Amino acid sequence: MFCIRKLIRRTRRPLEELTEATHRVAAGDYHSRVTPTGDEELRGLAVAFNGMTEQIGRRFETLAVLSKLDRHILKSSELEEIVQAVLKHARDMLPCELLAVLVFDENCADVARLHVARYAEEVITCETRVEVPAALGSLLDTCEPIVELQAGDAAFESVRDLISDWRADRRFGVLPIRTDKGVQGAVAIAYSTPNASDRASLDFALGLAERLAVAISNADRRHALVRQAHYDGLTGLPNRVLFKDRLAQRIAHGQRSRKQFALLFIDLDRFKNINDSFGHTSGDELLKGVAARFAEELSEMDTIARLGGDEFTIITSDIDSAADAANAAQTVLSALARPVLLGDIEHFVSASIGIAVYPQDGVTTDILLRNADIAMYRAKAAGAGRFAYYEEAMNREAMERVELESELRQALARDELSVVYQPRIDLRTGAIIGVEALSRWHHPRFGMVPPGRFIRVAEDSGLIIAIGDRVLREICSRYHYWRRAGIEVRRLAYNVSVRQLQAPGFTKTLREIVERTRIPRGVLEIEITESVLATDIDYLTAVLEELSAMGVKVAIDDFGTGYSSLSYLRSLPIDALKIDKSFLPPPGERTSAALCEAIIAMSRALNVVPIAEGVESPEQAAFLLANGCEIAQGFYFSRPVSAEDIVRRYGREAYSEELGRGAVG
């Protein structure tokens, strides 16, 4: 009996200890262990229990570390911080002497950022830029989730050299960091003890690699969102949002340093023509080429941005004076002087540039941008490929233009615009042979508004289309009125702008008015300036050929003062060249005389009629006739007058008296 009780006590004690340990484990104490005692079966049970609790404890410790890393990934937006946290916490779970994390550069997989933790030395090395060995790169592309490198392998030597660890007993394990984009980096483990590569350690290492993959993916997404919000998707340049931020920073720097800088507002000339003629794909390629050209030619200290469409801005570095901003503007114009190749076609593009200088032209982002924009329009008005500075007077002018446009709209509604006519004279006979129609505006409060003021506003606002239609109806209705008065008007001329030529239905409207008013073929003439030739030449050719087929004559106004090309004059249906008054020679002046003679000779050679305008003296009239120009107009003959004055001056009763004074013998 005694032996039985003793046997029971020897058996119950280990079981009680095992039961107590089980309760402690259930309470979360995974370090609880039991002493193997009793017979062989009880000792085996104790060993199995201790092994189980060790595994469970380690697993929970692993989950705790990984959970801590997960929280770090959720809270931190910086990949560098997350990598440092991985290196710091990994030593608690990995029995290794060294851990390295390699993160590939997003633009080049041959370059990476290397982070190394040397646990024996208590050192964690921050980000170092390194080249990725080819052997390691090839291994990562094809290897399993984890691979143990063997001494003598090319990849083994590459890793050893990369992390500068040459211990003879060193062993290496490598895990690729894979995201949706492929391999984005690697984790390298250096160890000497065999238990460093047990299943638990490997599982933990895989967990690290997976979390690093998540962190890299998150960083890529954040970077993409930031880039999308702050950079232009087409050219890669800063967009309007980032530009305004950079400009604000530049202003703050200027306030601290008391230094000047310039803001350039760039608008490409005639970009719409390329878009319309060659398609938006070609237009986009042109914009990318222009952006690249700017980046090549300008200083790295300058900020280049695309605001949208064909508008760019440049914030310069510090300048000593406002005049220095011209250097940046000239650099832009020179960069655009070279053709941009799109496919097999060379395209030439120019730009109009407005310059605003800090602080004299503005001390806030909005004011500087507005004033640079105003200056750009001033440059564009002066002609393609130019730059202009902002002046405060220009701002007042801009406000006046807004008011003038509003008044002009009301003037059209109130029928305040009138038409006057300047006679064209046959220099051989002194007879009137045609008229040029000109718009005039008599404002009820301001009086006569100069044509130079309101015509430009009309063109910019599009009101020129309505004005042009009114002029056309007026002159066509006057034709028969003059005929009844005995005046032989062989040509009715009026000015047509680029805006009118490009307006939908221009030729249709013209045809309807001509047919309704029964104007004979060859009587109506449109005058276009040379600047029209710089627009879409194919479209222009089609419009002019349609007009020519209708019997409408075409004259080039102010010839020699703007854009000109003899090849266009030869190929387009041009009937007349109007010689600008600046080429008419004053008495004794040979240079102007030679130029005028050359224009007349060229007109004859091209089989077009030369017409002189701005004739102010009998000597000029005589010179023109002597050199083969037989038609002229100008103050010498008559100022622009009303339709009724044309009748009073050139009608049947006044014909002989009035023309005698204007004839050139």
Foldseek 3Di string as FASTA:
>chain_A
DVVVVVLVVQVVVLVVLVVVLVVVVVVPPLCRAGCQDDDPVSSVVRVVVNVVSVVVVLVVVLVVLLVVLVVVLVPDLDLQVSVVSCLVSLVVNFQFQKKKKWFADPVDNQKTWIWMQRVVVRDTDGTDIDGQDPQLVVCQQDDDQKDKDDPPDPNVVRVCVVVVPDDPQKIKMKGFQQEPVGGGIIMMTIHRDPCSPDPRNVVSVSSSSPSSNVSVVSNVVVVVVVQVVFADPLQRAGEPVVVQVVVLVLLVVCVVVVFKKKKKKKAKPQLVQCCVPVHVVLSSVVLNVLSVLLVVQDDPQKGWYAHDDRIIMIIGDTDPDQVVVVVSLVSSQVSQQAFDDDPNDTHRIFIQMFMEMPPVQHSHSVSNVVQRVLQSVVRVVVHTRGGGYGDVVSVVVVVVLVVLLVVVVVCVVVVQKDKWWFFKAQQAQLATAAIEIDIWGQDPPPGTDDCVRNVVSCLVVVVVQVVVLVSLLVQLQLPVVQVVLVHNHQAYEYEDELSLLPDPCNVVSNLVSCVVSVDDAQHYEYEYELVSCVHNVVSVQVSQVSCVVVRYAYEYECPPPDDDDVVSLLPHRHAEYEHEPVLQDDPPDVPSLVVVLVVCVVCVVSNHAYEYEADDDLVSSVSCVVSPHRMYTHVQLHDTGHSVVCSVCCGPVNNVVNSVSRHRD
